[in-house]
């Protein structure tokens, strides 16, 4: 494995996330708008749960990759 700094990995991860986040509004703007409107109607607890689920899924993925 090439010598890569943590900063490089973080930047690469952010880049991949931005590319993935841009796919839905680019190819299906109506579906993206509908999903965004559903999130706006959620209460704080539901949004926190989604954040927690994303955090756990990301941490599990990193653990499987580097654990």
PDB file of N, CA and C in Angstrom:
ATOM      1  N   UNK A   1       0.845  -1.177   0.000  1.00  0.00           N
ATOM      2  CA  UNK A   1       0.000   0.000   0.000  1.00  0.00           C
ATOM      3  C   UNK A   1       0.893   1.244   0.000  1.00  0.00           C
ATOM      4  N   UNK A   2       0.592   2.215  -0.857  1.00  0.00           N
ATOM      5  CA  UNK A   2       1.430   3.415  -0.893  1.00  0.00           C
ATOM      6  C   UNK A   2       1.298   4.210   0.402  1.00  0.00           C
ATOM      7  N   UNK A   3       2.310   5.008   0.682  1.00  0.00           N
ATOM      8  CA  UNK A   3       2.316   5.831   1.888  1.00  0.00           C
ATOM      9  C   UNK A   3       1.335   6.987   1.698  1.00  0.00           C
ATOM     10  N   UNK A   4       0.181   6.907   2.386  1.00  0.00           N
ATOM     11  CA  UNK A   4      -0.870   7.909   2.267  1.00  0.00           C
ATOM     12  C   UNK A   4      -1.140   8.475   3.648  1.00  0.00           C
ATOM     13  N   UNK A   5      -1.236   9.803   3.721  1.00  0.00           N
ATOM     14  CA  UNK A   5      -1.482  10.427   5.016  1.00  0.00           C
ATOM     15  C   UNK A   5      -2.968  10.363   5.369  1.00  0.00           C
ATOM     16  N   UNK A   6      -3.252  10.545   6.629  1.00  0.00           N
ATOM     17  CA  UNK A   6      -4.635  10.569   7.092  1.00  0.00           C
ATOM     18  C   UNK A   6      -5.396  11.702   6.418  1.00  0.00           C
ATOM     19  N   UNK A   7      -4.746  12.839   6.246  1.00  0.00           N
ATOM     20  CA  UNK A   7      -5.375  13.983   5.574  1.00  0.00           C
ATOM     21  C   UNK A   7      -5.797  13.619   4.156  1.00  0.00           C
ATOM     22  N   UNK A   8      -4.934  12.908   3.431  1.00  0.00           N
ATOM     23  CA  UNK A   8      -5.267  12.477   2.069  1.00  0.00           C
ATOM     24  C   UNK A   8      -6.477  11.544   2.072  1.00  0.00           C
ATOM     25  N   UNK A   9      -6.529  10.645   3.052  1.00  0.00           N
ATOM     26  CA  UNK A   9      -7.663   9.722   3.140  1.00  0.00           C
ATOM     27  C   UNK A   9      -8.961  10.456   3.452  1.00  0.00           C
ATOM     28  N   UNK A  10      -8.888  11.436   4.346  1.00  0.00           N
ATOM     29  CA  UNK A  10     -10.083  12.215   4.683  1.00  0.00           C
ATOM     30  C   UNK A  10     -10.559  12.986   3.456  1.00  0.00           C
ATOM     31  N   UNK A  11      -9.650  13.616   2.747  1.00  0.00           N
ATOM     32  CA  UNK A  11     -10.036  14.347   1.533  1.00  0.00           C
ATOM     33  C   UNK A  11     -10.628  13.410   0.478  1.00  0.00           C
ATOM     34  N   UNK A  12     -10.054  12.232   0.318  1.00  0.00           N
ATOM     35  CA  UNK A  12     -10.584  11.263  -0.639  1.00  0.00           C
ATOM     36  C   UNK A  12     -11.978  10.823  -0.215  1.00  0.00           C
ATOM     37  N   UNK A  13     -12.174  10.588   1.072  1.00  0.00           N
ATOM     38  CA  UNK A  13     -13.491  10.195   1.566  1.00  0.00           C
ATOM     39  C   UNK A  13     -14.529  11.278   1.334  1.00  0.00           C
ATOM     40  N   UNK A  14     -14.164  12.522   1.582  1.00  0.00           N
ATOM     41  CA  UNK A  14     -15.087  13.636   1.343  1.00  0.00           C
ATOM     42  C   UNK A  14     -15.404  13.746  -0.147  1.00  0.00           C
ATOM     43  N   UNK A  15     -14.399  13.546  -0.982  1.00  0.00           N
ATOM     44  CA  UNK A  15     -14.633  13.587  -2.422  1.00  0.00           C
ATOM     45  C   UNK A  15     -15.588  12.508  -2.892  1.00  0.00           C
ATOM     46  N   UNK A  16     -15.409  11.297  -2.400  1.00  0.00           N
ATOM     47  CA  UNK A  16     -16.302  10.196  -2.766  1.00  0.00           C
ATOM     48  C   UNK A  16     -17.720  10.487  -2.280  1.00  0.00           C
ATOM     49  N   UNK A  17     -17.841  11.026  -1.063  1.00  0.00           N
ATOM     50  CA  UNK A  17     -19.161  11.358  -0.525  1.00  0.00           C
ATOM     51  C   UNK A  17     -19.849  12.416  -1.388  1.00  0.00           C
ATOM     52  N   UNK A  18     -19.109  13.445  -1.808  1.00  0.00           N
ATOM     53  CA  UNK A  18     -19.701  14.495  -2.631  1.00  0.00           C
ATOM     54  C   UNK A  18     -20.140  13.964  -3.994  1.00  0.00           C
ATOM     55  N   UNK A  19     -19.354  13.087  -4.576  1.00  0.00           N
ATOM     56  CA  UNK A  19     -19.744  12.478  -5.849  1.00  0.00           C
ATOM     57  C   UNK A  19     -21.023  11.667  -5.662  1.00  0.00           C
ATOM     58  N   UNK A  20     -21.078  10.845  -4.620  1.00  0.00           N
ATOM     59  CA  UNK A  20     -22.267  10.022  -4.364  1.00  0.00           C
ATOM     60  C   UNK A  20     -23.482  10.897  -4.074  1.00  0.00           C
ATOM     61  N   UNK A  21     -23.293  11.966  -3.302  1.00  0.00           N
ATOM     62  CA  UNK A  21     -24.410  12.856  -2.968  1.00  0.00           C
ATOM     63  C   UNK A  21     -24.912  13.609  -4.195  1.00  0.00           C
ATOM     64  N   UNK A  22     -24.062  13.815  -5.176  1.00  0.00           N
ATOM     65  CA  UNK A  22     -24.468  14.549  -6.365  1.00  0.00           C
ATOM     66  C   UNK A  22     -25.179  13.717  -7.414  1.00  0.00           C
ATOM     67  N   UNK A  23     -25.118  12.398  -7.300  1.00  0.00           N
ATOM     68  CA  UNK A  23     -25.716  11.550  -8.330  1.00  0.00           C
ATOM     69  C   UNK A  23     -27.241  11.668  -8.387  1.00  0.00           C
ATOM     70  N   UNK A  24     -27.910  11.613  -7.243  1.00  0.00           N
ATOM     71  CA  UNK A  24     -29.372  11.642  -7.237  1.00  0.00           C
ATOM     72  C   UNK A  24     -29.926  12.965  -7.760  1.00  0.00           C
ATOM     73  N   UNK A  25     -29.459  14.129  -7.277  1.00  0.00           N
ATOM     74  CA  UNK A  25     -30.008  15.360  -7.845  1.00  0.00           C
ATOM     75  C   UNK A  25     -29.669  15.552  -9.324  1.00  0.00           C
ATOM     76  N   UNK A  26     -28.569  14.969  -9.773  1.00  0.00           N
ATOM     77  CA  UNK A  26     -28.203  15.091 -11.180  1.00  0.00           C
ATOM     78  C   UNK A  26     -29.118  14.252 -12.071  1.00  0.00           C
ATOM     79  N   UNK A  27     -29.339  13.002 -11.687  1.00  0.00           N
ATOM     80  CA  UNK A  27     -30.081  12.079 -12.547  1.00  0.00           C
ATOM     81  C   UNK A  27     -31.561  11.975 -12.225  1.00  0.00           C
ATOM     82  N   UNK A  28     -31.975  12.325 -11.011  1.00  0.00           N
ATOM     83  CA  UNK A  28     -33.392  12.230 -10.638  1.00  0.00           C
ATOM     84  C   UNK A  28     -33.748  13.378  -9.691  1.00  0.00           C
ATOM     85  N   UNK A  29     -33.801  14.605 -10.214  1.00  0.00           N
ATOM     86  CA  UNK A  29     -34.050  15.742  -9.331  1.00  0.00           C
ATOM     87  C   UNK A  29     -35.412  15.688  -8.638  1.00  0.00           C
ATOM     88  N   UNK A  30     -36.414  15.123  -9.277  1.00  0.00           N
ATOM     89  CA  UNK A  30     -37.731  15.010  -8.646  1.00  0.00           C
ATOM     90  C   UNK A  30     -37.704  14.080  -7.443  1.00  0.00           C
ATOM     91  N   UNK A  31     -37.023  12.959  -7.572  1.00  0.00           N
ATOM     92  CA  UNK A  31     -36.901  12.018  -6.459  1.00  0.00           C
ATOM     93  C   UNK A  31     -36.088  12.640  -5.328  1.00  0.00           C
ATOM     94  N   UNK A  32     -35.041  13.384  -5.676  1.00  0.00           N
ATOM     95  CA  UNK A  32     -34.229  14.044  -4.670  1.00  0.00           C
ATOM     96  C   UNK A  32     -35.062  15.075  -3.914  1.00  0.00           C
ATOM     97  N   UNK A  33     -35.861  15.854  -4.640  1.00  0.00           N
ATOM     98  CA  UNK A  33     -36.709  16.861  -4.009  1.00  0.00           C
ATOM     99  C   UNK A  33     -37.718  16.207  -3.070  1.00  0.00           C
ATOM    100  N   UNK A  34     -38.319  15.095  -3.509  1.00  0.00           N
ATOM    101  CA  UNK A  34     -39.277  14.381  -2.672  1.00  0.00           C
ATOM    102  C   UNK A  34     -38.640  13.851  -1.400  1.00  0.00           C
ATOM    103  N   UNK A  35     -37.436  13.298  -1.524  1.00  0.00           N
ATOM    104  CA  UNK A  35     -36.729  12.784  -0.347  1.00  0.00           C
ATOM    105  C   UNK A  35     -36.392  13.930   0.603  1.00  0.00           C
ATOM    106  N   UNK A  36     -35.963  15.046   0.071  1.00  0.00           N
ATOM    107  CA  UNK A  36     -35.614  16.202   0.885  1.00  0.00           C
ATOM    108  C   UNK A  36     -36.844  16.739   1.619  1.00  0.00           C
ATOM    109  N   UNK A  37     -37.978  16.773   0.929  1.00  0.00           N
ATOM    110  CA  UNK A  37     -39.227  17.233   1.565  1.00  0.00           C
ATOM    111  C   UNK A  37     -39.656  16.291   2.690  1.00  0.00           C
ATOM    112  N   UNK A  38     -39.468  14.982   2.500  1.00  0.00           N
ATOM    113  CA  UNK A  38     -39.801  14.029   3.572  1.00  0.00           C
ATOM    114  C   UNK A  38     -38.917  14.243   4.795  1.00  0.00           C
ATOM    115  N   UNK A  39     -37.640  14.528   4.568  1.00  0.00           N
ATOM    116  CA  UNK A  39     -36.731  14.788   5.690  1.00  0.00           C
ATOM    117  C   UNK A  39     -37.154  16.062   6.420  1.00  0.00           C
ATOM    118  N   UNK A  40     -37.587  17.071   5.686  1.00  0.00           N
ATOM    119  CA  UNK A  40     -38.013  18.317   6.321  1.00  0.00           C
ATOM    120  C   UNK A  40     -39.230  18.113   7.222  1.00  0.00           C
ATOM    121  N   UNK A  41     -40.055  17.117   6.928  1.00  0.00           N
ATOM    122  CA  UNK A  41     -41.241  16.847   7.741  1.00  0.00           C
ATOM    123  C   UNK A  41     -40.936  15.967   8.958  1.00  0.00           C
ATOM    124  N   UNK A  42     -39.732  15.437   9.066  1.00  0.00           N
ATOM    125  CA  UNK A  42     -39.376  14.576  10.200  1.00  0.00           C
ATOM    126  C   UNK A  42     -39.153  15.424  11.440  1.00  0.00           C
ATOM    127  N   UNK A  43     -39.403  14.818  12.600  1.00  0.00           N
ATOM    128  CA  UNK A  43     -39.089  15.530  13.844  1.00  0.00           C
ATOM    129  C   UNK A  43     -37.602  15.329  14.183  1.00  0.00           C
ATOM    130  N   UNK A  44     -37.140  16.056  15.188  1.00  0.00           N
ATOM    131  CA  UNK A  44     -35.715  16.021  15.531  1.00  0.00           C
ATOM    132  C   UNK A  44     -35.233  14.622  15.902  1.00  0.00           C
ATOM    133  N   UNK A  45     -36.054  13.862  16.621  1.00  0.00           N
ATOM    134  CA  UNK A  45     -35.665  12.510  17.021  1.00  0.00           C
ATOM    135  C   UNK A  45     -35.442  11.600  15.826  1.00  0.00           C
ATOM    136  N   UNK A  46     -36.291  11.709  14.816  1.00  0.00           N
ATOM    137  CA  UNK A  46     -36.131  10.888  13.613  1.00  0.00           C
ATOM    138  C   UNK A  46     -34.857  11.263  12.866  1.00  0.00           C
ATOM    139  N   UNK A  47     -34.576  12.555  12.791  1.00  0.00           N
ATOM    140  CA  UNK A  47     -33.368  13.006  12.099  1.00  0.00           C
ATOM    141  C   UNK A  47     -32.124  12.554  12.872  1.00  0.00           C
ATOM    142  N   UNK A  48     -32.187  12.630  14.197  1.00  0.00           N
ATOM    143  CA  UNK A  48     -31.057  12.156  15.004  1.00  0.00           C
ATOM    144  C   UNK A  48     -30.827  10.665  14.802  1.00  0.00           C
ATOM    145  N   UNK A  49     -31.927   9.889  14.724  1.00  0.00           N
ATOM    146  CA  UNK A  49     -31.790   8.457  14.497  1.00  0.00           C
ATOM    147  C   UNK A  49     -31.127   8.188  13.151  1.00  0.00           C
ATOM    148  N   UNK A  50     -31.512   8.919  12.103  1.00  0.00           N
ATOM    149  CA  UNK A  50     -30.867   8.757  10.792  1.00  0.00           C
ATOM    150  C   UNK A  50     -29.376   9.095  10.875  1.00  0.00           C
ATOM    151  N   UNK A  51     -29.049  10.147  11.612  1.00  0.00           N
ATOM    152  CA  UNK A  51     -27.639  10.504  11.799  1.00  0.00           C
ATOM    153  C   UNK A  51     -26.877   9.413  12.528  1.00  0.00           C
ATOM    154  N   UNK A  52     -27.487   8.868  13.581  1.00  0.00           N
ATOM    155  CA  UNK A  52     -26.845   7.781  14.327  1.00  0.00           C
ATOM    156  C   UNK A  52     -26.668   6.549  13.448  1.00  0.00           C
ATOM    157  N   UNK A  53     -27.686   6.206  12.677  1.00  0.00           N
ATOM    158  CA  UNK A  53     -27.596   5.041  11.789  1.00  0.00           C
ATOM    159  C   UNK A  53     -26.493   5.237  10.753  1.00  0.00           C
ATOM    160  N   UNK A  54     -26.374   6.434  10.202  1.00  0.00           N
ATOM    161  CA  UNK A  54     -25.309   6.721   9.235  1.00  0.00           C
ATOM    162  C   UNK A  54     -23.938   6.616   9.884  1.00  0.00           C
ATOM    163  N   UNK A  55     -23.820   7.165  11.098  1.00  0.00           N
ATOM    164  CA  UNK A  55     -22.559   7.108  11.813  1.00  0.00           C
ATOM    165  C   UNK A  55     -22.147   5.668  12.082  1.00  0.00           C
ATOM    166  N   UNK A  56     -23.074   4.846  12.566  1.00  0.00           N
ATOM    167  CA  UNK A  56     -22.767   3.446  12.870  1.00  0.00           C
ATOM    168  C   UNK A  56     -22.412   2.677  11.598  1.00  0.00           C
ATOM    169  N   UNK A  57     -23.163   2.905  10.520  1.00  0.00           N
ATOM    170  CA  UNK A  57     -22.874   2.214   9.258  1.00  0.00           C
ATOM    171  C   UNK A  57     -21.492   2.600   8.734  1.00  0.00           C
ATOM    172  N   UNK A  58     -21.157   3.884   8.798  1.00  0.00           N
ATOM    173  CA  UNK A  58     -19.842   4.331   8.352  1.00  0.00           C
ATOM    174  C   UNK A  58     -18.720   3.774   9.206  1.00  0.00           C
ATOM    175  N   UNK A  59     -18.918   3.783  10.523  1.00  0.00           N
ATOM    176  CA  UNK A  59     -17.895   3.238  11.424  1.00  0.00           C
ATOM    177  C   UNK A  59     -17.715   1.738  11.194  1.00  0.00           C
ATOM    178  N   UNK A  60     -18.814   1.021  10.983  1.00  0.00           N
ATOM    179  CA  UNK A  60     -18.725  -0.420  10.721  1.00  0.00           C
ATOM    180  C   UNK A  60     -17.991  -0.688   9.410  1.00  0.00           C
ATOM    181  N   UNK A  61     -18.265   0.118   8.413  1.00  0.00           N
ATOM    182  CA  UNK A  61     -17.581  -0.036   7.126  1.00  0.00           C
ATOM    183  C   UNK A  61     -16.083   0.202   7.281  1.00  0.00           C
ATOM    184  N   UNK A  62     -15.711   1.267   8.000  1.00  0.00           N
ATOM    185  CA  UNK A  62     -14.294   1.524   8.237  1.00  0.00           C
ATOM    186  C   UNK A  62     -13.644   0.422   9.062  1.00  0.00           C
ATOM    187  N   UNK A  63     -14.361  -0.092  10.059  1.00  0.00           N
ATOM    188  CA  UNK A  63     -13.820  -1.171  10.887  1.00  0.00           C
ATOM    189  C   UNK A  63     -13.589  -2.421  10.037  1.00  0.00           C
ATOM    190  N   UNK A  64     -14.551  -2.740   9.141  1.00  0.00           N
ATOM    191  CA  UNK A  64     -14.372  -3.912   8.269  1.00  0.00           C
ATOM    192  C   UNK A  64     -13.206  -3.691   7.304  1.00  0.00           C
ATOM    193  N   UNK A  65     -13.019  -2.466   6.854  1.00  0.00           N
ATOM    194  CA  UNK A  65     -11.951  -2.164   5.897  1.00  0.00           C
ATOM    195  C   UNK A  65     -10.574  -2.186   6.560  1.00  0.00           C
ATOM    196  N   UNK A  66     -10.467  -1.566   7.742  1.00  0.00           N
ATOM    197  CA  UNK A  66      -9.164  -1.430   8.383  1.00  0.00           C
ATOM    198  C   UNK A  66      -9.040  -2.166   9.707  1.00  0.00           C
ATOM    199  N   UNK A  67     -10.106  -2.823  10.156  1.00  0.00           N
ATOM    200  CA  UNK A  67     -10.081  -3.474  11.473  1.00  0.00           C
ATOM    201  C   UNK A  67      -9.302  -4.702  11.449  1.00  0.00           C
TER     202      UNK A  67
END
